[in-house]
Amino acid sequence: MRGRIGLYKAAQDVEVREVVLSNKPDAMIEASAKGTVPTLVLPNADGTNTVIDESLDVMLWALHQNDPEDLLHQQDTAALPAMLALIATFDDEFKTQLNAYKCAKRYRENNVVECRQACEVYIQDLEDRLGAGITEEAFEEGQKKRFIFGAKESLADIALLPFIRQFSKVERQWYRESPYPNLKQWLNGYLQSVMFNKVMTQYELWKP
């Protein structure tokens, strides 16, 4: 999902090959022994290929080609390092807690609440970021901050979106009643967007 979002935001035309990971095509393994998705294959002028097989790297490659919405906040030299640091925290720490939370719910273990609370440490950070600077006056003027790094969308928003979507689906009723209004508004904005519908399009299984 991350890779597709990055390519969509950067308006990069690619040939999408839908695969089943339980039956990986030989061409996929030949391109990247890692055998994970996404795998982006870029032909070089000398006949070789450059392969990018990490979702965040796909996003960065795409946005470095074309960033019409300035998701990298290029005028602020401190912005991208700050975004990457936050994304790394979620990749390295939150993802582990999220997987534990999903497993606890799926297998009806007795530590679902504890696992959820471990995730909420990171969720609260996003809630605070999304709500920073909100005042009654801002509400009246319709200027409510909606993004993680200020009033403008950034790489961090689209990189963390898949994680927060997964979190929201573990205990749907609890999430709907959870005390995170800014996060819920932010997520709903994406889930109801044209972009989300586009990147979630299902393709026919690729046949070599």
N, C-alpha and C. Protein backbone atom coordinates (compact mmCIF):
# COMPACT_ATOMS: atom_id res chain seq x y z
N MET A 1 0.82 -1.21 0.00
CA MET A 1 0.00 0.00 0.00
C MET A 1 0.86 1.26 0.00
N ARG A 2 1.92 1.27 0.80
CA ARG A 2 2.82 2.43 0.84
C ARG A 2 3.38 2.75 -0.54
N GLY A 3 3.91 1.71 -1.18
CA GLY A 3 4.53 1.93 -2.48
C GLY A 3 3.54 2.50 -3.48
N ARG A 4 2.34 1.95 -3.50
CA ARG A 4 1.33 2.43 -4.45
C ARG A 4 0.94 3.88 -4.15
N ILE A 5 0.84 4.22 -2.87
CA ILE A 5 0.51 5.60 -2.51
C ILE A 5 1.59 6.54 -3.02
N GLY A 6 2.85 6.19 -2.79
CA GLY A 6 3.94 7.04 -3.24
C GLY A 6 3.94 7.23 -4.74
N LEU A 7 3.74 6.15 -5.47
CA LEU A 7 3.71 6.23 -6.93
C LEU A 7 2.52 7.07 -7.41
N TYR A 8 1.39 6.92 -6.74
CA TYR A 8 0.21 7.71 -7.09
C TYR A 8 0.45 9.19 -6.85
N LYS A 9 0.97 9.52 -5.68
CA LYS A 9 1.20 10.92 -5.33
C LYS A 9 2.22 11.57 -6.26
N ALA A 10 3.15 10.78 -6.75
CA ALA A 10 4.19 11.30 -7.64
C ALA A 10 3.80 11.18 -9.11
N ALA A 11 2.62 10.65 -9.38
CA ALA A 11 2.12 10.50 -10.75
C ALA A 11 3.09 9.72 -11.63
N GLN A 12 3.60 8.62 -11.07
CA GLN A 12 4.54 7.78 -11.82
C GLN A 12 3.78 6.62 -12.46
N ASP A 13 3.94 6.49 -13.76
CA ASP A 13 3.29 5.39 -14.48
C ASP A 13 4.13 4.13 -14.35
N VAL A 14 3.52 3.08 -13.89
CA VAL A 14 4.22 1.80 -13.75
C VAL A 14 3.32 0.67 -14.25
N GLU A 15 3.93 -0.43 -14.60
CA GLU A 15 3.17 -1.64 -14.95
C GLU A 15 3.00 -2.44 -13.66
N VAL A 16 1.78 -2.56 -13.21
CA VAL A 16 1.50 -3.27 -11.96
C VAL A 16 1.33 -4.76 -12.25
N ARG A 17 2.07 -5.57 -11.50
CA ARG A 17 1.95 -7.01 -11.61
C ARG A 17 1.46 -7.57 -10.28
N GLU A 18 0.21 -7.93 -10.23
CA GLU A 18 -0.39 -8.48 -9.01
C GLU A 18 0.08 -9.92 -8.84
N VAL A 19 0.58 -10.25 -7.66
CA VAL A 19 1.09 -11.60 -7.41
C VAL A 19 0.50 -12.15 -6.12
N VAL A 20 0.60 -13.47 -5.98
CA VAL A 20 0.23 -14.15 -4.74
C VAL A 20 1.53 -14.57 -4.07
N LEU A 21 1.77 -14.10 -2.85
CA LEU A 21 3.05 -14.35 -2.20
C LEU A 21 3.27 -15.82 -1.86
N SER A 22 2.20 -16.58 -1.80
CA SER A 22 2.36 -18.01 -1.55
C SER A 22 2.79 -18.77 -2.80
N ASN A 23 2.76 -18.08 -3.94
CA ASN A 23 3.18 -18.68 -5.20
C ASN A 23 3.90 -17.62 -6.03
N LYS A 24 5.08 -17.23 -5.57
CA LYS A 24 5.80 -16.12 -6.18
C LYS A 24 6.32 -16.50 -7.57
N PRO A 25 6.10 -15.65 -8.56
CA PRO A 25 6.61 -15.91 -9.90
C PRO A 25 8.14 -15.91 -9.91
N ASP A 26 8.72 -16.71 -10.80
CA ASP A 26 10.18 -16.75 -10.92
C ASP A 26 10.75 -15.37 -11.22
N ALA A 27 10.04 -14.60 -12.04
CA ALA A 27 10.53 -13.27 -12.42
C ALA A 27 10.67 -12.36 -11.20
N MET A 28 9.80 -12.54 -10.24
CA MET A 28 9.87 -11.73 -9.02
C MET A 28 11.10 -12.11 -8.20
N ILE A 29 11.35 -13.39 -8.06
CA ILE A 29 12.52 -13.85 -7.30
C ILE A 29 13.81 -13.47 -8.01
N GLU A 30 13.80 -13.52 -9.34
CA GLU A 30 14.98 -13.12 -10.10
C GLU A 30 15.27 -11.63 -9.92
N ALA A 31 14.21 -10.84 -9.82
CA ALA A 31 14.40 -9.40 -9.64
C ALA A 31 14.91 -9.08 -8.24
N SER A 32 14.36 -9.77 -7.24
CA SER A 32 14.76 -9.54 -5.85
C SER A 32 14.63 -10.83 -5.06
N ALA A 33 15.76 -11.33 -4.60
CA ALA A 33 15.75 -12.58 -3.82
C ALA A 33 14.96 -12.43 -2.53
N LYS A 34 14.76 -11.19 -2.11
CA LYS A 34 13.98 -10.94 -0.89
C LYS A 34 12.55 -11.46 -1.03
N GLY A 35 12.00 -11.35 -2.22
CA GLY A 35 10.69 -11.92 -2.49
C GLY A 35 9.54 -11.29 -1.74
N THR A 36 9.60 -9.99 -1.52
CA THR A 36 8.53 -9.30 -0.82
C THR A 36 7.92 -8.24 -1.73
N VAL A 37 6.78 -7.72 -1.31
CA VAL A 37 6.17 -6.62 -2.04
C VAL A 37 6.21 -5.37 -1.17
N PRO A 38 6.37 -4.19 -1.81
CA PRO A 38 6.49 -4.01 -3.25
C PRO A 38 7.91 -4.29 -3.74
N THR A 39 8.02 -4.65 -5.00
CA THR A 39 9.31 -4.73 -5.67
C THR A 39 9.20 -3.89 -6.93
N LEU A 40 9.98 -2.84 -7.00
CA LEU A 40 9.95 -1.93 -8.15
C LEU A 40 11.19 -2.17 -8.99
N VAL A 41 10.99 -2.49 -10.26
CA VAL A 41 12.10 -2.76 -11.18
C VAL A 41 12.21 -1.61 -12.17
N LEU A 42 13.37 -0.96 -12.17
CA LEU A 42 13.61 0.19 -13.03
C LEU A 42 14.69 -0.15 -14.05
N PRO A 43 14.37 -0.15 -15.34
CA PRO A 43 15.37 -0.46 -16.36
C PRO A 43 16.38 0.67 -16.52
N ASN A 44 17.65 0.30 -16.63
CA ASN A 44 18.72 1.27 -16.85
C ASN A 44 19.09 1.31 -18.33
N ALA A 45 19.78 2.37 -18.72
CA ALA A 45 20.16 2.54 -20.12
C ALA A 45 21.10 1.45 -20.61
N ASP A 46 21.88 0.86 -19.71
CA ASP A 46 22.85 -0.16 -20.11
C ASP A 46 22.25 -1.56 -20.15
N GLY A 47 20.95 -1.66 -19.99
CA GLY A 47 20.30 -2.97 -20.06
C GLY A 47 20.15 -3.66 -18.72
N THR A 48 20.74 -3.12 -17.67
CA THR A 48 20.59 -3.68 -16.33
C THR A 48 19.35 -3.08 -15.67
N ASN A 49 19.03 -3.58 -14.51
CA ASN A 49 17.88 -3.06 -13.76
C ASN A 49 18.30 -2.56 -12.39
N THR A 50 17.65 -1.52 -11.94
CA THR A 50 17.74 -1.09 -10.55
C THR A 50 16.49 -1.58 -9.85
N VAL A 51 16.68 -2.26 -8.72
CA VAL A 51 15.54 -2.84 -8.01
C VAL A 51 15.40 -2.16 -6.65
N ILE A 52 14.20 -1.73 -6.35
CA ILE A 52 13.88 -1.13 -5.05
C ILE A 52 12.83 -2.02 -4.40
N ASP A 53 13.18 -2.63 -3.27
CA ASP A 53 12.26 -3.59 -2.66
C ASP A 53 11.90 -3.26 -1.21
N GLU A 54 11.95 -1.98 -0.87
CA GLU A 54 11.45 -1.51 0.42
C GLU A 54 10.40 -0.44 0.14
N SER A 55 9.26 -0.53 0.79
CA SER A 55 8.15 0.37 0.48
C SER A 55 8.50 1.84 0.68
N LEU A 56 9.21 2.17 1.75
CA LEU A 56 9.57 3.56 1.99
C LEU A 56 10.53 4.05 0.92
N ASP A 57 11.45 3.20 0.48
CA ASP A 57 12.38 3.57 -0.58
C ASP A 57 11.65 3.81 -1.89
N VAL A 58 10.60 3.02 -2.15
CA VAL A 58 9.79 3.25 -3.34
C VAL A 58 9.14 4.63 -3.27
N MET A 59 8.61 4.97 -2.11
CA MET A 59 7.99 6.28 -1.93
C MET A 59 8.99 7.40 -2.16
N LEU A 60 10.17 7.26 -1.57
CA LEU A 60 11.18 8.30 -1.70
C LEU A 60 11.65 8.43 -3.14
N TRP A 61 11.86 7.30 -3.81
CA TRP A 61 12.27 7.35 -5.22
C TRP A 61 11.22 8.11 -6.03
N ALA A 62 9.95 7.74 -5.85
CA ALA A 62 8.87 8.35 -6.62
C ALA A 62 8.80 9.86 -6.38
N LEU A 63 8.87 10.26 -5.12
CA LEU A 63 8.73 11.68 -4.80
C LEU A 63 9.95 12.48 -5.20
N HIS A 64 11.10 11.84 -5.29
CA HIS A 64 12.28 12.54 -5.80
C HIS A 64 12.19 12.74 -7.31
N GLN A 65 11.39 11.91 -7.98
CA GLN A 65 11.16 12.12 -9.41
C GLN A 65 10.18 13.26 -9.63
N ASN A 66 9.16 13.31 -8.78
CA ASN A 66 8.10 14.29 -8.97
C ASN A 66 7.33 14.43 -7.66
N ASP A 67 7.28 15.63 -7.14
CA ASP A 67 6.61 15.87 -5.85
C ASP A 67 5.70 17.08 -5.98
N PRO A 68 4.62 16.95 -6.75
CA PRO A 68 3.77 18.11 -7.04
C PRO A 68 3.08 18.71 -5.82
N GLU A 69 2.89 17.91 -4.77
CA GLU A 69 2.23 18.41 -3.56
C GLU A 69 3.24 18.78 -2.47
N ASP A 70 4.52 18.72 -2.81
CA ASP A 70 5.60 19.03 -1.87
C ASP A 70 5.47 18.24 -0.58
N LEU A 71 5.30 16.94 -0.71
CA LEU A 71 5.18 16.07 0.46
C LEU A 71 6.49 15.95 1.22
N LEU A 72 7.60 16.28 0.57
CA LEU A 72 8.90 16.24 1.25
C LEU A 72 9.24 17.57 1.93
N HIS A 73 8.36 18.57 1.79
CA HIS A 73 8.57 19.89 2.41
C HIS A 73 9.98 20.40 2.10
N GLN A 74 10.27 20.52 0.83
CA GLN A 74 11.63 20.74 0.38
C GLN A 74 12.23 22.09 0.79
N GLN A 75 11.39 23.05 1.12
CA GLN A 75 11.93 24.34 1.55
C GLN A 75 12.42 24.33 2.99
N ASP A 76 12.10 23.28 3.71
CA ASP A 76 12.51 23.15 5.12
C ASP A 76 13.51 22.01 5.22
N THR A 77 14.78 22.33 5.37
CA THR A 77 15.83 21.30 5.36
C THR A 77 15.73 20.33 6.54
N ALA A 78 15.07 20.76 7.60
CA ALA A 78 14.93 19.89 8.78
C ALA A 78 13.72 18.96 8.68
N ALA A 79 12.86 19.20 7.71
CA ALA A 79 11.59 18.47 7.66
C ALA A 79 11.77 17.00 7.32
N LEU A 80 12.49 16.69 6.25
CA LEU A 80 12.60 15.29 5.83
C LEU A 80 13.29 14.43 6.89
N PRO A 81 14.41 14.87 7.49
CA PRO A 81 14.99 14.05 8.57
C PRO A 81 14.01 13.81 9.71
N ALA A 82 13.21 14.81 10.05
CA ALA A 82 12.23 14.64 11.13
C ALA A 82 11.15 13.63 10.72
N MET A 83 10.71 13.71 9.48
CA MET A 83 9.71 12.75 8.99
C MET A 83 10.27 11.33 9.03
N LEU A 84 11.49 11.17 8.52
CA LEU A 84 12.09 9.84 8.46
C LEU A 84 12.32 9.27 9.86
N ALA A 85 12.64 10.13 10.82
CA ALA A 85 12.83 9.66 12.20
C ALA A 85 11.52 9.15 12.78
N LEU A 86 10.43 9.87 12.52
CA LEU A 86 9.12 9.43 13.03
C LEU A 86 8.69 8.13 12.35
N ILE A 87 8.89 8.06 11.05
CA ILE A 87 8.53 6.85 10.31
C ILE A 87 9.34 5.66 10.82
N ALA A 88 10.62 5.87 11.10
CA ALA A 88 11.47 4.80 11.62
C ALA A 88 10.97 4.30 12.96
N THR A 89 10.50 5.21 13.80
CA THR A 89 9.94 4.80 15.10
C THR A 89 8.75 3.88 14.91
N PHE A 90 7.90 4.22 13.98
CA PHE A 90 6.73 3.38 13.73
C PHE A 90 7.13 2.06 13.06
N ASP A 91 8.09 2.11 12.16
CA ASP A 91 8.55 0.88 11.50
C ASP A 91 9.22 -0.06 12.49
N ASP A 92 10.05 0.51 13.36
CA ASP A 92 10.87 -0.31 14.25
C ASP A 92 10.17 -0.69 15.55
N GLU A 93 9.27 0.16 16.03
CA GLU A 93 8.66 -0.05 17.34
C GLU A 93 7.15 -0.30 17.26
N PHE A 94 6.43 0.63 16.65
CA PHE A 94 4.97 0.49 16.61
C PHE A 94 4.54 -0.77 15.87
N LYS A 95 5.20 -1.08 14.77
CA LYS A 95 4.82 -2.26 13.99
C LYS A 95 4.85 -3.53 14.84
N THR A 96 5.87 -3.65 15.70
CA THR A 96 5.97 -4.81 16.59
C THR A 96 4.79 -4.87 17.55
N GLN A 97 4.45 -3.72 18.13
CA GLN A 97 3.32 -3.66 19.06
C GLN A 97 2.00 -3.93 18.34
N LEU A 98 1.88 -3.41 17.13
CA LEU A 98 0.66 -3.61 16.35
C LEU A 98 0.47 -5.08 16.01
N ASN A 99 1.54 -5.75 15.61
CA ASN A 99 1.44 -7.18 15.30
C ASN A 99 1.03 -8.00 16.52
N ALA A 100 1.57 -7.62 17.68
CA ALA A 100 1.19 -8.31 18.92
C ALA A 100 -0.28 -8.08 19.24
N TYR A 101 -0.74 -6.86 19.02
CA TYR A 101 -2.15 -6.50 19.26
C TYR A 101 -3.07 -7.30 18.34
N LYS A 102 -2.71 -7.38 17.07
CA LYS A 102 -3.53 -8.12 16.11
C LYS A 102 -3.58 -9.61 16.46
N CYS A 103 -2.44 -10.15 16.85
CA CYS A 103 -2.40 -11.58 17.22
C CYS A 103 -3.22 -11.85 18.47
N ALA A 104 -3.11 -10.96 19.45
CA ALA A 104 -3.87 -11.14 20.70
C ALA A 104 -5.37 -11.15 20.43
N LYS A 105 -5.81 -10.27 19.55
CA LYS A 105 -7.24 -10.22 19.20
C LYS A 105 -7.65 -11.44 18.38
N ARG A 106 -6.83 -11.81 17.42
CA ARG A 106 -7.18 -12.92 16.53
C ARG A 106 -7.30 -14.24 17.29
N TYR A 107 -6.37 -14.45 18.21
CA TYR A 107 -6.35 -15.72 18.94
C TYR A 107 -7.02 -15.64 20.31
N ARG A 108 -7.73 -14.52 20.53
CA ARG A 108 -8.53 -14.34 21.75
C ARG A 108 -7.70 -14.55 23.01
N GLU A 109 -6.52 -13.97 23.00
CA GLU A 109 -5.65 -14.06 24.17
C GLU A 109 -6.14 -13.09 25.24
N ASN A 110 -5.63 -13.25 26.44
CA ASN A 110 -6.13 -12.43 27.56
C ASN A 110 -5.36 -11.13 27.75
N ASN A 111 -4.50 -10.78 26.79
CA ASN A 111 -3.71 -9.56 26.93
C ASN A 111 -4.02 -8.54 25.84
N VAL A 112 -5.23 -8.59 25.29
CA VAL A 112 -5.60 -7.66 24.23
C VAL A 112 -5.48 -6.22 24.69
N VAL A 113 -6.00 -5.93 25.88
CA VAL A 113 -5.97 -4.56 26.39
C VAL A 113 -4.54 -4.07 26.58
N GLU A 114 -3.69 -4.92 27.15
CA GLU A 114 -2.29 -4.53 27.35
C GLU A 114 -1.60 -4.26 26.01
N CYS A 115 -1.88 -5.09 25.03
CA CYS A 115 -1.27 -4.90 23.71
C CYS A 115 -1.78 -3.62 23.05
N ARG A 116 -3.07 -3.36 23.21
CA ARG A 116 -3.62 -2.13 22.66
C ARG A 116 -3.01 -0.91 23.33
N GLN A 117 -2.86 -0.97 24.64
CA GLN A 117 -2.29 0.17 25.36
C GLN A 117 -0.85 0.43 24.96
N ALA A 118 -0.12 -0.62 24.62
CA ALA A 118 1.25 -0.44 24.13
C ALA A 118 1.24 0.32 22.81
N CYS A 119 0.25 0.06 21.97
CA CYS A 119 0.11 0.79 20.71
C CYS A 119 -0.29 2.24 20.95
N GLU A 120 -1.11 2.45 21.97
CA GLU A 120 -1.66 3.78 22.21
C GLU A 120 -0.60 4.82 22.57
N VAL A 121 0.54 4.38 23.04
CA VAL A 121 1.62 5.33 23.31
C VAL A 121 1.97 6.08 22.02
N TYR A 122 2.02 5.36 20.92
CA TYR A 122 2.37 5.94 19.63
C TYR A 122 1.17 6.66 19.01
N ILE A 123 -0.01 6.10 19.22
CA ILE A 123 -1.23 6.73 18.72
C ILE A 123 -1.43 8.09 19.37
N GLN A 124 -1.16 8.19 20.66
CA GLN A 124 -1.31 9.46 21.37
C GLN A 124 -0.35 10.50 20.82
N ASP A 125 0.84 10.09 20.45
CA ASP A 125 1.81 11.02 19.86
C ASP A 125 1.24 11.62 18.58
N LEU A 126 0.65 10.79 17.73
CA LEU A 126 0.05 11.31 16.50
C LEU A 126 -1.15 12.20 16.80
N GLU A 127 -1.97 11.80 17.76
CA GLU A 127 -3.12 12.61 18.15
C GLU A 127 -2.66 14.00 18.58
N ASP A 128 -1.59 14.06 19.37
CA ASP A 128 -1.07 15.34 19.83
C ASP A 128 -0.53 16.17 18.68
N ARG A 129 0.17 15.53 17.77
CA ARG A 129 0.72 16.24 16.61
C ARG A 129 -0.40 16.80 15.74
N LEU A 130 -1.42 15.98 15.51
CA LEU A 130 -2.53 16.41 14.67
C LEU A 130 -3.37 17.50 15.32
N GLY A 131 -3.33 17.56 16.64
CA GLY A 131 -4.12 18.56 17.34
C GLY A 131 -3.35 19.79 17.76
N ALA A 132 -2.05 19.81 17.52
CA ALA A 132 -1.22 20.93 17.96
C ALA A 132 -1.67 22.24 17.32
N GLY A 133 -1.84 23.24 18.16
CA GLY A 133 -2.18 24.56 17.65
C GLY A 133 -3.66 24.78 17.39
N ILE A 134 -4.49 23.77 17.66
CA ILE A 134 -5.93 23.93 17.43
C ILE A 134 -6.53 24.79 18.55
N THR A 135 -7.25 25.81 18.16
CA THR A 135 -7.94 26.68 19.12
C THR A 135 -9.40 26.83 18.69
N GLU A 136 -10.22 27.38 19.58
CA GLU A 136 -11.62 27.62 19.21
C GLU A 136 -11.69 28.58 18.04
N GLU A 137 -10.79 29.55 18.01
CA GLU A 137 -10.78 30.51 16.91
C GLU A 137 -10.47 29.81 15.59
N ALA A 138 -9.52 28.87 15.64
CA ALA A 138 -9.16 28.13 14.43
C ALA A 138 -10.34 27.30 13.94
N PHE A 139 -11.08 26.71 14.88
CA PHE A 139 -12.26 25.94 14.50
C PHE A 139 -13.26 26.84 13.78
N GLU A 140 -13.46 28.04 14.31
CA GLU A 140 -14.44 28.95 13.73
C GLU A 140 -14.01 29.39 12.34
N GLU A 141 -12.73 29.52 12.12
CA GLU A 141 -12.22 29.96 10.83
C GLU A 141 -12.00 28.80 9.86
N GLY A 142 -12.29 27.59 10.33
CA GLY A 142 -12.12 26.43 9.45
C GLY A 142 -10.67 26.12 9.15
N GLN A 143 -9.78 26.45 10.06
CA GLN A 143 -8.35 26.27 9.83
C GLN A 143 -7.76 25.16 10.69
N LYS A 144 -8.58 24.17 11.00
CA LYS A 144 -8.09 23.10 11.86
C LYS A 144 -6.93 22.37 11.19
N LYS A 145 -5.86 22.20 11.92
CA LYS A 145 -4.70 21.46 11.43
C LYS A 145 -5.09 20.01 11.19
N ARG A 146 -4.65 19.45 10.07
CA ARG A 146 -5.10 18.12 9.72
C ARG A 146 -3.97 17.13 9.47
N PHE A 147 -2.73 17.57 9.55
CA PHE A 147 -1.64 16.68 9.18
C PHE A 147 -0.58 16.58 10.27
N ILE A 148 0.27 15.57 10.15
CA ILE A 148 1.21 15.24 11.21
C ILE A 148 2.29 16.29 11.38
N PHE A 149 2.74 16.88 10.28
CA PHE A 149 3.80 17.88 10.36
C PHE A 149 3.30 19.27 9.99
N GLY A 150 2.13 19.63 10.47
CA GLY A 150 1.64 20.96 10.26
C GLY A 150 0.40 20.99 9.40
N ALA A 151 0.14 22.15 8.80
CA ALA A 151 -1.09 22.33 8.03
C ALA A 151 -1.01 21.70 6.65
N LYS A 152 0.17 21.22 6.28
CA LYS A 152 0.37 20.66 4.95
C LYS A 152 0.71 19.17 5.03
N GLU A 153 0.13 18.40 4.14
CA GLU A 153 0.39 16.96 4.08
C GLU A 153 1.87 16.69 3.83
N SER A 154 2.35 15.56 4.34
CA SER A 154 3.77 15.23 4.18
C SER A 154 3.95 13.74 3.94
N LEU A 155 5.18 13.36 3.66
CA LEU A 155 5.54 11.96 3.52
C LEU A 155 5.12 11.16 4.74
N ALA A 156 5.24 11.74 5.93
CA ALA A 156 4.90 11.02 7.16
C ALA A 156 3.44 10.59 7.16
N ASP A 157 2.56 11.44 6.68
CA ASP A 157 1.13 11.10 6.66
C ASP A 157 0.88 9.86 5.82
N ILE A 158 1.38 9.86 4.61
CA ILE A 158 1.07 8.74 3.71
C ILE A 158 1.86 7.49 4.06
N ALA A 159 3.01 7.65 4.74
CA ALA A 159 3.79 6.48 5.14
C ALA A 159 3.18 5.79 6.36
N LEU A 160 2.56 6.55 7.24
CA LEU A 160 1.98 5.98 8.46
C LEU A 160 0.53 5.55 8.27
N LEU A 161 -0.10 6.03 7.23
CA LEU A 161 -1.50 5.70 6.97
C LEU A 161 -1.79 4.19 7.02
N PRO A 162 -1.01 3.33 6.36
CA PRO A 162 -1.33 1.89 6.41
C PRO A 162 -1.33 1.32 7.82
N PHE A 163 -0.39 1.77 8.65
CA PHE A 163 -0.32 1.29 10.03
C PHE A 163 -1.58 1.68 10.82
N ILE A 164 -1.98 2.94 10.68
CA ILE A 164 -3.12 3.43 11.46
C ILE A 164 -4.41 2.78 10.96
N ARG A 165 -4.49 2.54 9.68
CA ARG A 165 -5.65 1.82 9.14
C ARG A 165 -5.74 0.42 9.76
N GLN A 166 -4.62 -0.28 9.84
CA GLN A 166 -4.61 -1.61 10.45
C GLN A 166 -5.02 -1.53 11.93
N PHE A 167 -4.47 -0.54 12.64
CA PHE A 167 -4.80 -0.37 14.05
C PHE A 167 -6.30 -0.18 14.24
N SER A 168 -6.91 0.62 13.39
CA SER A 168 -8.34 0.94 13.53
C SER A 168 -9.24 -0.26 13.31
N LYS A 169 -8.72 -1.29 12.65
CA LYS A 169 -9.55 -2.45 12.30
C LYS A 169 -9.45 -3.59 13.31
N VAL A 170 -8.55 -3.51 14.27
CA VAL A 170 -8.38 -4.61 15.22
C VAL A 170 -9.60 -4.74 16.12
N GLU A 171 -9.99 -3.66 16.76
CA GLU A 171 -11.20 -3.61 17.60
C GLU A 171 -12.03 -2.43 17.11
N ARG A 172 -12.84 -2.67 16.12
CA ARG A 172 -13.54 -1.58 15.43
C ARG A 172 -14.43 -0.75 16.37
N GLN A 173 -15.19 -1.43 17.22
CA GLN A 173 -16.08 -0.70 18.12
C GLN A 173 -15.28 0.14 19.11
N TRP A 174 -14.24 -0.44 19.67
CA TRP A 174 -13.40 0.33 20.60
C TRP A 174 -12.81 1.54 19.89
N TYR A 175 -12.31 1.34 18.68
CA TYR A 175 -11.70 2.44 17.94
C TYR A 175 -12.70 3.56 17.70
N ARG A 176 -13.91 3.22 17.31
CA ARG A 176 -14.93 4.25 17.05
C ARG A 176 -15.20 5.09 18.29
N GLU A 177 -15.06 4.47 19.46
CA GLU A 177 -15.34 5.18 20.71
C GLU A 177 -14.08 5.72 21.38
N SER A 178 -12.94 5.55 20.76
CA SER A 178 -11.66 5.92 21.37
C SER A 178 -11.49 7.44 21.43
N PRO A 179 -10.68 7.91 22.38
CA PRO A 179 -10.52 9.35 22.59
C PRO A 179 -9.46 9.98 21.69
N TYR A 180 -9.57 9.72 20.38
CA TYR A 180 -8.58 10.25 19.44
C TYR A 180 -9.29 10.94 18.28
N PRO A 181 -9.98 12.04 18.54
CA PRO A 181 -10.78 12.69 17.49
C PRO A 181 -9.95 13.19 16.32
N ASN A 182 -8.77 13.72 16.59
CA ASN A 182 -7.95 14.24 15.50
C ASN A 182 -7.45 13.12 14.60
N LEU A 183 -7.03 12.03 15.22
CA LEU A 183 -6.55 10.88 14.45
C LEU A 183 -7.68 10.29 13.61
N LYS A 184 -8.86 10.17 14.20
CA LYS A 184 -9.99 9.58 13.47
C LYS A 184 -10.39 10.45 12.28
N GLN A 185 -10.37 11.76 12.47
CA GLN A 185 -10.71 12.65 11.36
C GLN A 185 -9.65 12.55 10.26
N TRP A 186 -8.40 12.50 10.67
CA TRP A 186 -7.29 12.37 9.71
C TRP A 186 -7.42 11.07 8.91
N LEU A 187 -7.66 9.95 9.60
CA LEU A 187 -7.77 8.67 8.91
C LEU A 187 -9.00 8.64 8.01
N ASN A 188 -10.13 9.13 8.50
CA ASN A 188 -11.34 9.13 7.68
C ASN A 188 -11.17 9.95 6.41
N GLY A 189 -10.42 11.03 6.52
CA GLY A 189 -10.16 11.85 5.34
C GLY A 189 -9.47 11.06 4.25
N TYR A 190 -8.53 10.21 4.65
CA TYR A 190 -7.84 9.37 3.67
C TYR A 190 -8.74 8.25 3.16
N LEU A 191 -9.44 7.59 4.06
CA LEU A 191 -10.25 6.44 3.65
C LEU A 191 -11.37 6.83 2.69
N GLN A 192 -11.78 8.08 2.74
CA GLN A 192 -12.85 8.55 1.87
C GLN A 192 -12.33 9.27 0.63
N SER A 193 -11.02 9.25 0.43
CA SER A 193 -10.41 10.01 -0.65
C SER A 193 -10.37 9.25 -1.97
N VAL A 194 -10.25 9.99 -3.06
CA VAL A 194 -10.06 9.40 -4.38
C VAL A 194 -8.77 8.61 -4.41
N MET A 195 -7.73 9.16 -3.78
CA MET A 195 -6.43 8.48 -3.75
C MET A 195 -6.55 7.08 -3.18
N PHE A 196 -7.24 6.95 -2.05
CA PHE A 196 -7.36 5.64 -1.40
C PHE A 196 -8.06 4.65 -2.31
N ASN A 197 -9.14 5.08 -2.94
CA ASN A 197 -9.86 4.19 -3.85
C ASN A 197 -8.98 3.76 -5.01
N LYS A 198 -8.16 4.66 -5.49
CA LYS A 198 -7.27 4.33 -6.61
C LYS A 198 -6.21 3.31 -6.20
N VAL A 199 -5.55 3.56 -5.09
CA VAL A 199 -4.44 2.67 -4.71
C VAL A 199 -4.92 1.31 -4.22
N MET A 200 -6.18 1.22 -3.82
CA MET A 200 -6.72 -0.05 -3.36
C MET A 200 -7.37 -0.86 -4.47
N THR A 201 -7.25 -0.38 -5.69
CA THR A 201 -7.81 -1.11 -6.84
C THR A 201 -7.22 -2.51 -6.92
N GLN A 202 -8.07 -3.49 -7.12
CA GLN A 202 -7.63 -4.87 -7.27
C GLN A 202 -7.37 -5.16 -8.74
N TYR A 203 -6.20 -5.74 -9.01
CA TYR A 203 -5.83 -6.08 -10.38
C TYR A 203 -5.91 -7.59 -10.58
N GLU A 204 -6.03 -7.97 -11.83
CA GLU A 204 -6.01 -9.39 -12.14
C GLU A 204 -4.63 -9.96 -11.83
N LEU A 205 -4.60 -11.20 -11.42
CA LEU A 205 -3.33 -11.86 -11.11
C LEU A 205 -2.45 -11.89 -12.35
N TRP A 206 -1.21 -11.47 -12.17
CA TRP A 206 -0.27 -11.44 -13.30
C TRP A 206 0.15 -12.85 -13.68
N LYS A 207 0.12 -13.11 -14.98
CA LYS A 207 0.56 -14.41 -15.49
C LYS A 207 1.74 -14.20 -16.42
N PRO A 208 2.91 -14.76 -16.09
CA PRO A 208 4.11 -14.59 -16.92
C PRO A 208 3.87 -15.06 -18.35
